[in-house]
Amino acid sequence: SAAVALGDALGVPPLAMAELLPVIEAVMVAKLNEQMERP
């Protein structure tokens, strides 16, 4: 909800958000968890 609200505030078309946000989220979550696992 916050990601869509931010995209809307930045003028990102809803169709683009629907297509791109899930992919971006998956990569960012994986990278954040990977980074947290490092000593």
PDB file of all heavy atoms in Angstrom:
ATOM      1  N   SER A   1       0.843  -1.201   0.000  1.00  0.00           N
ATOM      2  CA  SER A   1       0.000   0.000   0.000  1.00  0.00           C
ATOM      3  C   SER A   1       0.877   1.250   0.000  1.00  0.00           C
ATOM      4  O   SER A   1       0.611   2.206  -0.732  1.00  0.00           O
ATOM      5  CB  SER A   1      -0.912   0.025   1.224  1.00  0.00           C
ATOM      6  OG  SER A   1      -1.804  -1.050   1.182  1.00  0.00           O
ATOM      7  N   ALA A   2       1.911   1.227   0.807  1.00  0.00           N
ATOM      8  CA  ALA A   2       2.829   2.367   0.858  1.00  0.00           C
ATOM      9  C   ALA A   2       3.611   2.493  -0.442  1.00  0.00           C
ATOM     10  O   ALA A   2       3.820   3.607  -0.937  1.00  0.00           O
ATOM     11  CB  ALA A   2       3.790   2.203   2.035  1.00  0.00           C
ATOM     12  N   ALA A   3       4.035   1.369  -1.022  1.00  0.00           N
ATOM     13  CA  ALA A   3       4.783   1.409  -2.283  1.00  0.00           C
ATOM     14  C   ALA A   3       3.924   1.962  -3.416  1.00  0.00           C
ATOM     15  O   ALA A   3       4.388   2.776  -4.219  1.00  0.00           O
ATOM     16  CB  ALA A   3       5.288   0.008  -2.636  1.00  0.00           C
ATOM     17  N   VAL A   4       2.658   1.562  -3.465  1.00  0.00           N
ATOM     18  CA  VAL A   4       1.749   2.064  -4.503  1.00  0.00           C
ATOM     19  C   VAL A   4       1.473   3.552  -4.277  1.00  0.00           C
ATOM     20  O   VAL A   4       1.439   4.336  -5.232  1.00  0.00           O
ATOM     21  CB  VAL A   4       0.445   1.237  -4.546  1.00  0.00           C
ATOM     22  CG1 VAL A   4      -0.604   1.906  -5.419  1.00  0.00           C
ATOM     23  CG2 VAL A   4       0.731  -0.177  -5.031  1.00  0.00           C
ATOM     24  N   ALA A   5       1.294   3.957  -3.021  1.00  0.00           N
ATOM     25  CA  ALA A   5       1.061   5.371  -2.727  1.00  0.00           C
ATOM     26  C   ALA A   5       2.272   6.211  -3.133  1.00  0.00           C
ATOM     27  O   ALA A   5       2.115   7.309  -3.694  1.00  0.00           O
ATOM     28  CB  ALA A   5       0.755   5.552  -1.240  1.00  0.00           C
ATOM     29  N   LEU A   6       3.463   5.711  -2.883  1.00  0.00           N
ATOM     30  CA  LEU A   6       4.673   6.425  -3.284  1.00  0.00           C
ATOM     31  C   LEU A   6       4.764   6.515  -4.803  1.00  0.00           C
ATOM     32  O   LEU A   6       5.059   7.584  -5.350  1.00  0.00           O
ATOM     33  CB  LEU A   6       5.903   5.726  -2.719  1.00  0.00           C
ATOM     34  CG  LEU A   6       7.256   6.328  -3.074  1.00  0.00           C
ATOM     35  CD1 LEU A   6       7.365   7.758  -2.572  1.00  0.00           C
ATOM     36  CD2 LEU A   6       8.373   5.475  -2.499  1.00  0.00           C
ATOM     37  N   GLY A   7       4.505   5.399  -5.483  1.00  0.00           N
ATOM     38  CA  GLY A   7       4.521   5.416  -6.945  1.00  0.00           C
ATOM     39  C   GLY A   7       3.502   6.387  -7.510  1.00  0.00           C
ATOM     40  O   GLY A   7       3.789   7.122  -8.458  1.00  0.00           O
ATOM     41  N   ASP A   8       2.320   6.403  -6.914  1.00  0.00           N
ATOM     42  CA  ASP A   8       1.272   7.329  -7.354  1.00  0.00           C
ATOM     43  C   ASP A   8       1.721   8.778  -7.156  1.00  0.00           C
ATOM     44  O   ASP A   8       1.548   9.612  -8.043  1.00  0.00           O
ATOM     45  CB  ASP A   8      -0.015   7.054  -6.576  1.00  0.00           C
ATOM     46  CG  ASP A   8      -1.189   7.832  -7.106  1.00  0.00           C
ATOM     47  OD1 ASP A   8      -1.384   7.869  -8.334  1.00  0.00           O
ATOM     48  OD2 ASP A   8      -1.934   8.393  -6.272  1.00  0.00           O
ATOM     49  N   ALA A   9       2.322   9.063  -6.011  1.00  0.00           N
ATOM     50  CA  ALA A   9       2.810  10.425  -5.738  1.00  0.00           C
ATOM     51  C   ALA A   9       3.909  10.831  -6.711  1.00  0.00           C
ATOM     52  O   ALA A   9       4.044  12.015  -7.033  1.00  0.00           O
ATOM     53  CB  ALA A   9       3.323  10.510  -4.303  1.00  0.00           C
ATOM     54  N   LEU A  10       4.674   9.861  -7.175  1.00  0.00           N
ATOM     55  CA  LEU A  10       5.745  10.150  -8.134  1.00  0.00           C
ATOM     56  C   LEU A  10       5.262  10.151  -9.582  1.00  0.00           C
ATOM     57  O   LEU A  10       6.051  10.385 -10.501  1.00  0.00           O
ATOM     58  CB  LEU A  10       6.875   9.128  -7.963  1.00  0.00           C
ATOM     59  CG  LEU A  10       7.647   9.220  -6.643  1.00  0.00           C
ATOM     60  CD1 LEU A  10       8.582   8.031  -6.488  1.00  0.00           C
ATOM     61  CD2 LEU A  10       8.415  10.528  -6.576  1.00  0.00           C
ATOM     62  N   GLY A  11       3.987   9.838  -9.783  1.00  0.00           N
ATOM     63  CA  GLY A  11       3.427   9.851 -11.131  1.00  0.00           C
ATOM     64  C   GLY A  11       3.658   8.586 -11.930  1.00  0.00           C
ATOM     65  O   GLY A  11       3.555   8.592 -13.151  1.00  0.00           O
ATOM     66  N   VAL A  12       3.965   7.477 -11.261  1.00  0.00           N
ATOM     67  CA  VAL A  12       4.174   6.201 -11.959  1.00  0.00           C
ATOM     68  C   VAL A  12       2.805   5.638 -12.353  1.00  0.00           C
ATOM     69  O   VAL A  12       1.904   5.559 -11.512  1.00  0.00           O
ATOM     70  CB  VAL A  12       4.927   5.199 -11.053  1.00  0.00           C
ATOM     71  CG1 VAL A  12       5.107   3.872 -11.750  1.00  0.00           C
ATOM     72  CG2 VAL A  12       6.267   5.772 -10.617  1.00  0.00           C
ATOM     73  N   PRO A  13       2.623   5.263 -13.609  1.00  0.00           N
ATOM     74  CA  PRO A  13       1.336   4.707 -14.040  1.00  0.00           C
ATOM     75  C   PRO A  13       0.999   3.418 -13.268  1.00  0.00           C
ATOM     76  O   PRO A  13       1.879   2.594 -13.005  1.00  0.00           O
ATOM     77  CB  PRO A  13       1.551   4.398 -15.525  1.00  0.00           C
ATOM     78  CG  PRO A  13       2.705   5.246 -15.942  1.00  0.00           C
ATOM     79  CD  PRO A  13       3.572   5.378 -14.722  1.00  0.00           C
ATOM     80  N   PRO A  14      -0.277   3.239 -12.908  1.00  0.00           N
ATOM     81  CA  PRO A  14      -0.688   2.056 -12.143  1.00  0.00           C
ATOM     82  C   PRO A  14      -0.310   0.729 -12.811  1.00  0.00           C
ATOM     83  O   PRO A  14       0.080  -0.216 -12.125  1.00  0.00           O
ATOM     84  CB  PRO A  14      -2.211   2.194 -12.046  1.00  0.00           C
ATOM     85  CG  PRO A  14      -2.458   3.658 -12.187  1.00  0.00           C
ATOM     86  CD  PRO A  14      -1.382   4.168 -13.115  1.00  0.00           C
ATOM     87  N   LEU A  15      -0.417   0.645 -14.125  1.00  0.00           N
ATOM     88  CA  LEU A  15      -0.071  -0.596 -14.822  1.00  0.00           C
ATOM     89  C   LEU A  15       1.419  -0.913 -14.651  1.00  0.00           C
ATOM     90  O   LEU A  15       1.794  -2.069 -14.445  1.00  0.00           O
ATOM     91  CB  LEU A  15      -0.431  -0.500 -16.306  1.00  0.00           C
ATOM     92  CG  LEU A  15      -0.228  -1.776 -17.124  1.00  0.00           C
ATOM     93  CD1 LEU A  15      -1.041  -2.931 -16.546  1.00  0.00           C
ATOM     94  CD2 LEU A  15      -0.608  -1.544 -18.576  1.00  0.00           C
ATOM     95  N   ALA A  16       2.248   0.115 -14.708  1.00  0.00           N
ATOM     96  CA  ALA A  16       3.689  -0.089 -14.505  1.00  0.00           C
ATOM     97  C   ALA A  16       3.962  -0.580 -13.090  1.00  0.00           C
ATOM     98  O   ALA A  16       4.778  -1.482 -12.878  1.00  0.00           O
ATOM     99  CB  ALA A  16       4.450   1.203 -14.780  1.00  0.00           C
ATOM    100  N   MET A  17       3.286   0.002 -12.109  1.00  0.00           N
ATOM    101  CA  MET A  17       3.474  -0.444 -10.722  1.00  0.00           C
ATOM    102  C   MET A  17       3.049  -1.896 -10.550  1.00  0.00           C
ATOM    103  O   MET A  17       3.731  -2.678  -9.890  1.00  0.00           O
ATOM    104  CB  MET A  17       2.693   0.455  -9.761  1.00  0.00           C
ATOM    105  CG  MET A  17       3.314   1.812  -9.571  1.00  0.00           C
ATOM    106  SD  MET A  17       2.544   2.751  -8.249  1.00  0.00           S
ATOM    107  CE  MET A  17       1.074   3.364  -9.057  1.00  0.00           C
ATOM    108  N   ALA A  18       1.918  -2.247 -11.157  1.00  0.00           N
ATOM    109  CA  ALA A  18       1.421  -3.616 -11.041  1.00  0.00           C
ATOM    110  C   ALA A  18       2.398  -4.618 -11.636  1.00  0.00           C
ATOM    111  O   ALA A  18       2.544  -5.736 -11.134  1.00  0.00           O
ATOM    112  CB  ALA A  18       0.059  -3.734 -11.716  1.00  0.00           C
ATOM    113  N   GLU A  19       3.055  -4.231 -12.708  1.00  0.00           N
ATOM    114  CA  GLU A  19       4.015  -5.125 -13.361  1.00  0.00           C
ATOM    115  C   GLU A  19       5.362  -5.168 -12.641  1.00  0.00           C
ATOM    116  O   GLU A  19       5.979  -6.218 -12.522  1.00  0.00           O
ATOM    117  CB  GLU A  19       4.239  -4.682 -14.809  1.00  0.00           C
ATOM    118  CG  GLU A  19       3.080  -4.936 -15.729  1.00  0.00           C
ATOM    119  CD  GLU A  19       2.893  -6.417 -16.031  1.00  0.00           C
ATOM    120  OE1 GLU A  19       3.891  -7.144 -16.147  1.00  0.00           O
ATOM    121  OE2 GLU A  19       1.732  -6.832 -16.154  1.00  0.00           O
ATOM    122  N   LEU A  20       5.833  -4.022 -12.185  1.00  0.00           N
ATOM    123  CA  LEU A  20       7.206  -3.925 -11.691  1.00  0.00           C
ATOM    124  C   LEU A  20       7.380  -4.117 -10.188  1.00  0.00           C
ATOM    125  O   LEU A  20       8.395  -4.667  -9.754  1.00  0.00           O
ATOM    126  CB  LEU A  20       7.799  -2.573 -12.093  1.00  0.00           C
ATOM    127  CG  LEU A  20       7.894  -2.329 -13.599  1.00  0.00           C
ATOM    128  CD1 LEU A  20       8.352  -0.911 -13.879  1.00  0.00           C
ATOM    129  CD2 LEU A  20       8.825  -3.335 -14.243  1.00  0.00           C
ATOM    130  N   LEU A  21       6.425  -3.661  -9.385  1.00  0.00           N
ATOM    131  CA  LEU A  21       6.621  -3.728  -7.932  1.00  0.00           C
ATOM    132  C   LEU A  21       6.848  -5.148  -7.394  1.00  0.00           C
ATOM    133  O   LEU A  21       7.743  -5.348  -6.566  1.00  0.00           O
ATOM    134  CB  LEU A  21       5.463  -3.056  -7.191  1.00  0.00           C
ATOM    135  CG  LEU A  21       5.553  -1.541  -7.078  1.00  0.00           C
ATOM    136  CD1 LEU A  21       4.302  -0.978  -6.409  1.00  0.00           C
ATOM    137  CD2 LEU A  21       6.794  -1.110  -6.327  1.00  0.00           C
ATOM    138  N   PRO A  22       6.092  -6.163  -7.825  1.00  0.00           N
ATOM    139  CA  PRO A  22       6.357  -7.504  -7.298  1.00  0.00           C
ATOM    140  C   PRO A  22       7.769  -8.014  -7.611  1.00  0.00           C
ATOM    141  O   PRO A  22       8.412  -8.658  -6.768  1.00  0.00           O
ATOM    142  CB  PRO A  22       5.295  -8.380  -7.968  1.00  0.00           C
ATOM    143  CG  PRO A  22       4.198  -7.436  -8.301  1.00  0.00           C
ATOM    144  CD  PRO A  22       4.883  -6.149  -8.657  1.00  0.00           C
ATOM    145  N   VAL A  23       8.260  -7.697  -8.794  1.00  0.00           N
ATOM    146  CA  VAL A  23       9.604  -8.135  -9.185  1.00  0.00           C
ATOM    147  C   VAL A  23      10.661  -7.405  -8.363  1.00  0.00           C
ATOM    148  O   VAL A  23      11.598  -8.015  -7.837  1.00  0.00           O
ATOM    149  CB  VAL A  23       9.830  -7.898 -10.698  1.00  0.00           C
ATOM    150  CG1 VAL A  23      11.238  -8.261 -11.098  1.00  0.00           C
ATOM    151  CG2 VAL A  23       8.814  -8.667 -11.515  1.00  0.00           C
ATOM    152  N   ILE A  24      10.492  -6.097  -8.234  1.00  0.00           N
ATOM    153  CA  ILE A  24      11.437  -5.296  -7.451  1.00  0.00           C
ATOM    154  C   ILE A  24      11.415  -5.744  -5.994  1.00  0.00           C
ATOM    155  O   ILE A  24      12.467  -5.872  -5.352  1.00  0.00           O
ATOM    156  CB  ILE A  24      11.106  -3.798  -7.584  1.00  0.00           C
ATOM    157  CG1 ILE A  24      11.320  -3.334  -9.021  1.00  0.00           C
ATOM    158  CG2 ILE A  24      11.933  -2.964  -6.618  1.00  0.00           C
ATOM    159  CD1 ILE A  24      10.749  -1.955  -9.322  1.00  0.00           C
ATOM    160  N   GLU A  25      10.221  -5.980  -5.451  1.00  0.00           N
ATOM    161  CA  GLU A  25      10.101  -6.417  -4.054  1.00  0.00           C
ATOM    162  C   GLU A  25      10.859  -7.722  -3.827  1.00  0.00           C
ATOM    163  O   GLU A  25      11.604  -7.856  -2.853  1.00  0.00           O
ATOM    164  CB  GLU A  25       8.630  -6.612  -3.676  1.00  0.00           C
ATOM    165  CG  GLU A  25       8.472  -7.152  -2.260  1.00  0.00           C
ATOM    166  CD  GLU A  25       7.082  -7.681  -1.963  1.00  0.00           C
ATOM    167  OE1 GLU A  25       6.406  -8.176  -2.892  1.00  0.00           O
ATOM    168  OE2 GLU A  25       6.686  -7.617  -0.793  1.00  0.00           O
ATOM    169  N   ALA A  26      10.693  -8.688  -4.714  1.00  0.00           N
ATOM    170  CA  ALA A  26      11.346  -9.987  -4.550  1.00  0.00           C
ATOM    171  C   ALA A  26      12.863  -9.855  -4.515  1.00  0.00           C
ATOM    172  O   ALA A  26      13.536 -10.454  -3.665  1.00  0.00           O
ATOM    173  CB  ALA A  26      10.919 -10.936  -5.663  1.00  0.00           C
ATOM    174  N   VAL A  27      13.410  -9.045  -5.405  1.00  0.00           N
ATOM    175  CA  VAL A  27      14.863  -8.864  -5.451  1.00  0.00           C
ATOM    176  C   VAL A  27      15.347  -8.130  -4.207  1.00  0.00           C
ATOM    177  O   VAL A  27      16.342  -8.526  -3.584  1.00  0.00           O
ATOM    178  CB  VAL A  27      15.283  -8.113  -6.735  1.00  0.00           C
ATOM    179  CG1 VAL A  27      16.747  -7.736  -6.692  1.00  0.00           C
ATOM    180  CG2 VAL A  27      14.978  -8.955  -7.961  1.00  0.00           C
ATOM    181  N   MET A  28      14.657  -7.074  -3.825  1.00  0.00           N
ATOM    182  CA  MET A  28      15.076  -6.295  -2.652  1.00  0.00           C
ATOM    183  C   MET A  28      15.002  -7.108  -1.368  1.00  0.00           C
ATOM    184  O   MET A  28      15.897  -7.047  -0.531  1.00  0.00           O
ATOM    185  CB  MET A  28      14.229  -5.032  -2.521  1.00  0.00           C
ATOM    186  CG  MET A  28      14.502  -4.011  -3.597  1.00  0.00           C
ATOM    187  SD  MET A  28      16.206  -3.406  -3.615  1.00  0.00           S
ATOM    188  CE  MET A  28      16.308  -2.629  -2.042  1.00  0.00           C
ATOM    189  N   VAL A  29      13.950  -7.904  -1.198  1.00  0.00           N
ATOM    190  CA  VAL A  29      13.824  -8.739  -0.006  1.00  0.00           C
ATOM    191  C   VAL A  29      14.959  -9.763   0.037  1.00  0.00           C
ATOM    192  O   VAL A  29      15.589  -9.961   1.078  1.00  0.00           O
ATOM    193  CB  VAL A  29      12.438  -9.432   0.036  1.00  0.00           C
ATOM    194  CG1 VAL A  29      12.401 -10.551   1.054  1.00  0.00           C
ATOM    195  CG2 VAL A  29      11.356  -8.406   0.346  1.00  0.00           C
ATOM    196  N   ALA A  30      15.233 -10.395  -1.092  1.00  0.00           N
ATOM    197  CA  ALA A  30      16.319 -11.384  -1.138  1.00  0.00           C
ATOM    198  C   ALA A  30      17.656 -10.737  -0.796  1.00  0.00           C
ATOM    199  O   ALA A  30      18.436 -11.284  -0.006  1.00  0.00           O
ATOM    200  CB  ALA A  30      16.379 -12.030  -2.520  1.00  0.00           C
ATOM    201  N   LYS A  31      17.931  -9.557  -1.358  1.00  0.00           N
ATOM    202  CA  LYS A  31      19.203  -8.884  -1.113  1.00  0.00           C
ATOM    203  C   LYS A  31      19.324  -8.399   0.331  1.00  0.00           C
ATOM    204  O   LYS A  31      20.395  -8.490   0.935  1.00  0.00           O
ATOM    205  CB  LYS A  31      19.402  -7.723  -2.082  1.00  0.00           C
ATOM    206  CG  LYS A  31      19.595  -8.172  -3.509  1.00  0.00           C
ATOM    207  CD  LYS A  31      20.865  -8.994  -3.625  1.00  0.00           C
ATOM    208  CE  LYS A  31      21.121  -9.438  -5.035  1.00  0.00           C
ATOM    209  NZ  LYS A  31      22.336 -10.223  -5.167  1.00  0.00           N
ATOM    210  N   LEU A  32      18.236  -7.876   0.900  1.00  0.00           N
ATOM    211  CA  LEU A  32      18.279  -7.439   2.296  1.00  0.00           C
ATOM    212  C   LEU A  32      18.541  -8.612   3.230  1.00  0.00           C
ATOM    213  O   LEU A  32      19.352  -8.516   4.157  1.00  0.00           O
ATOM    214  CB  LEU A  32      16.970  -6.748   2.675  1.00  0.00           C
ATOM    215  CG  LEU A  32      16.779  -5.336   2.159  1.00  0.00           C
ATOM    216  CD1 LEU A  32      15.338  -4.879   2.365  1.00  0.00           C
ATOM    217  CD2 LEU A  32      17.737  -4.385   2.856  1.00  0.00           C
ATOM    218  N   ASN A  33      17.864  -9.734   2.990  1.00  0.00           N
ATOM    219  CA  ASN A  33      18.078 -10.912   3.835  1.00  0.00           C
ATOM    220  C   ASN A  33      19.492 -11.466   3.665  1.00  0.00           C
ATOM    221  O   ASN A  33      20.119 -11.887   4.633  1.00  0.00           O
ATOM    222  CB  ASN A  33      17.030 -11.979   3.550  1.00  0.00           C
ATOM    223  CG  ASN A  33      15.686 -11.606   4.134  1.00  0.00           C
ATOM    224  OD1 ASN A  33      15.595 -11.006   5.197  1.00  0.00           O
ATOM    225  ND2 ASN A  33      14.634 -11.933   3.431  1.00  0.00           N
ATOM    226  N   GLU A  34      19.983 -11.442   2.447  1.00  0.00           N
ATOM    227  CA  GLU A  34      21.351 -11.880   2.169  1.00  0.00           C
ATOM    228  C   GLU A  34      22.350 -11.009   2.940  1.00  0.00           C
ATOM    229  O   GLU A  34      23.288 -11.519   3.555  1.00  0.00           O
ATOM    230  CB  GLU A  34      21.580 -11.726   0.668  1.00  0.00           C
ATOM    231  CG  GLU A  34      22.675 -12.541   0.059  1.00  0.00           C
ATOM    232  CD  GLU A  34      22.685 -12.314  -1.445  1.00  0.00           C
ATOM    233  OE1 GLU A  34      21.868 -12.954  -2.145  1.00  0.00           O
ATOM    234  OE2 GLU A  34      23.491 -11.486  -1.911  1.00  0.00           O
ATOM    235  N   GLN A  35      22.113  -9.724   2.915  1.00  0.00           N
ATOM    236  CA  GLN A  35      23.003  -8.791   3.601  1.00  0.00           C
ATOM    237  C   GLN A  35      22.937  -8.977   5.119  1.00  0.00           C
ATOM    238  O   GLN A  35      23.969  -8.892   5.794  1.00  0.00           O
ATOM    239  CB  GLN A  35      22.617  -7.366   3.228  1.00  0.00           C
ATOM    240  CG  GLN A  35      23.615  -6.317   3.635  1.00  0.00           C
ATOM    241  CD  GLN A  35      23.242  -4.960   3.089  1.00  0.00           C
ATOM    242  OE1 GLN A  35      22.063  -4.597   3.041  1.00  0.00           O
ATOM    243  NE2 GLN A  35      24.240  -4.213   2.674  1.00  0.00           N
ATOM    244  N   MET A  36      21.765  -9.251   5.662  1.00  0.00           N
ATOM    245  CA  MET A  36      21.633  -9.447   7.105  1.00  0.00           C
ATOM    246  C   MET A  36      22.307 -10.726   7.574  1.00  0.00           C
ATOM    247  O   MET A  36      22.700 -10.831   8.735  1.00  0.00           O
ATOM    248  CB  MET A  36      20.162  -9.440   7.515  1.00  0.00           C
ATOM    249  CG  MET A  36      19.561  -8.067   7.433  1.00  0.00           C
ATOM    250  SD  MET A  36      17.925  -7.865   8.168  1.00  0.00           S
ATOM    251  CE  MET A  36      17.032  -9.286   7.663  1.00  0.00           C
ATOM    252  N   GLU A  37      22.438 -11.715   6.700  1.00  0.00           N
ATOM    253  CA  GLU A  37      23.069 -12.984   7.061  1.00  0.00           C
ATOM    254  C   GLU A  37      24.586 -12.875   7.139  1.00  0.00           C
ATOM    255  O   GLU A  37      25.238 -13.698   7.775  1.00  0.00           O
ATOM    256  CB  GLU A  37      22.687 -14.063   6.063  1.00  0.00           C
ATOM    257  CG  GLU A  37      21.237 -14.494   6.168  1.00  0.00           C
ATOM    258  CD  GLU A  37      20.845 -15.472   5.087  1.00  0.00           C
ATOM    259  OE1 GLU A  37      21.683 -15.834   4.231  1.00  0.00           O
ATOM    260  OE2 GLU A  37      19.664 -15.867   5.085  1.00  0.00           O
ATOM    261  N   ARG A  38      25.163 -11.869   6.490  1.00  0.00           N
ATOM    262  CA  ARG A  38      26.603 -11.717   6.504  1.00  0.00           C
ATOM    263  C   ARG A  38      27.073 -11.291   7.892  1.00  0.00           C
ATOM    264  O   ARG A  38      26.387 -10.543   8.582  1.00  0.00           O
ATOM    265  CB  ARG A  38      27.044 -10.657   5.477  1.00  0.00           C
ATOM    266  CG  ARG A  38      26.818 -11.096   4.062  1.00  0.00           C
ATOM    267  CD  ARG A  38      27.494 -10.201   3.046  1.00  0.00           C
ATOM    268  NE  ARG A  38      27.784  -8.860   3.492  1.00  0.00           N
ATOM    269  CZ  ARG A  38      27.664  -7.781   2.738  1.00  0.00           C
ATOM    270  NH1 ARG A  38      27.245  -7.897   1.504  1.00  0.00           N
ATOM    271  NH2 ARG A  38      27.972  -6.592   3.201  1.00  0.00           N
ATOM    272  N   PRO A  39      28.242 -11.767   8.308  1.00  0.00           N
ATOM    273  CA  PRO A  39      28.733 -11.418   9.644  1.00  0.00           C
ATOM    274  C   PRO A  39      28.963  -9.916   9.835  1.00  0.00           C
ATOM    275  O   PRO A  39      28.831  -9.403  10.923  1.00  0.00           O
ATOM    276  CB  PRO A  39      30.047 -12.172   9.787  1.00  0.00           C
ATOM    277  CG  PRO A  39      30.283 -12.875   8.502  1.00  0.00           C
ATOM    278  CD  PRO A  39      29.113 -12.651   7.602  1.00  0.00           C
TER     279      PRO A  39
END
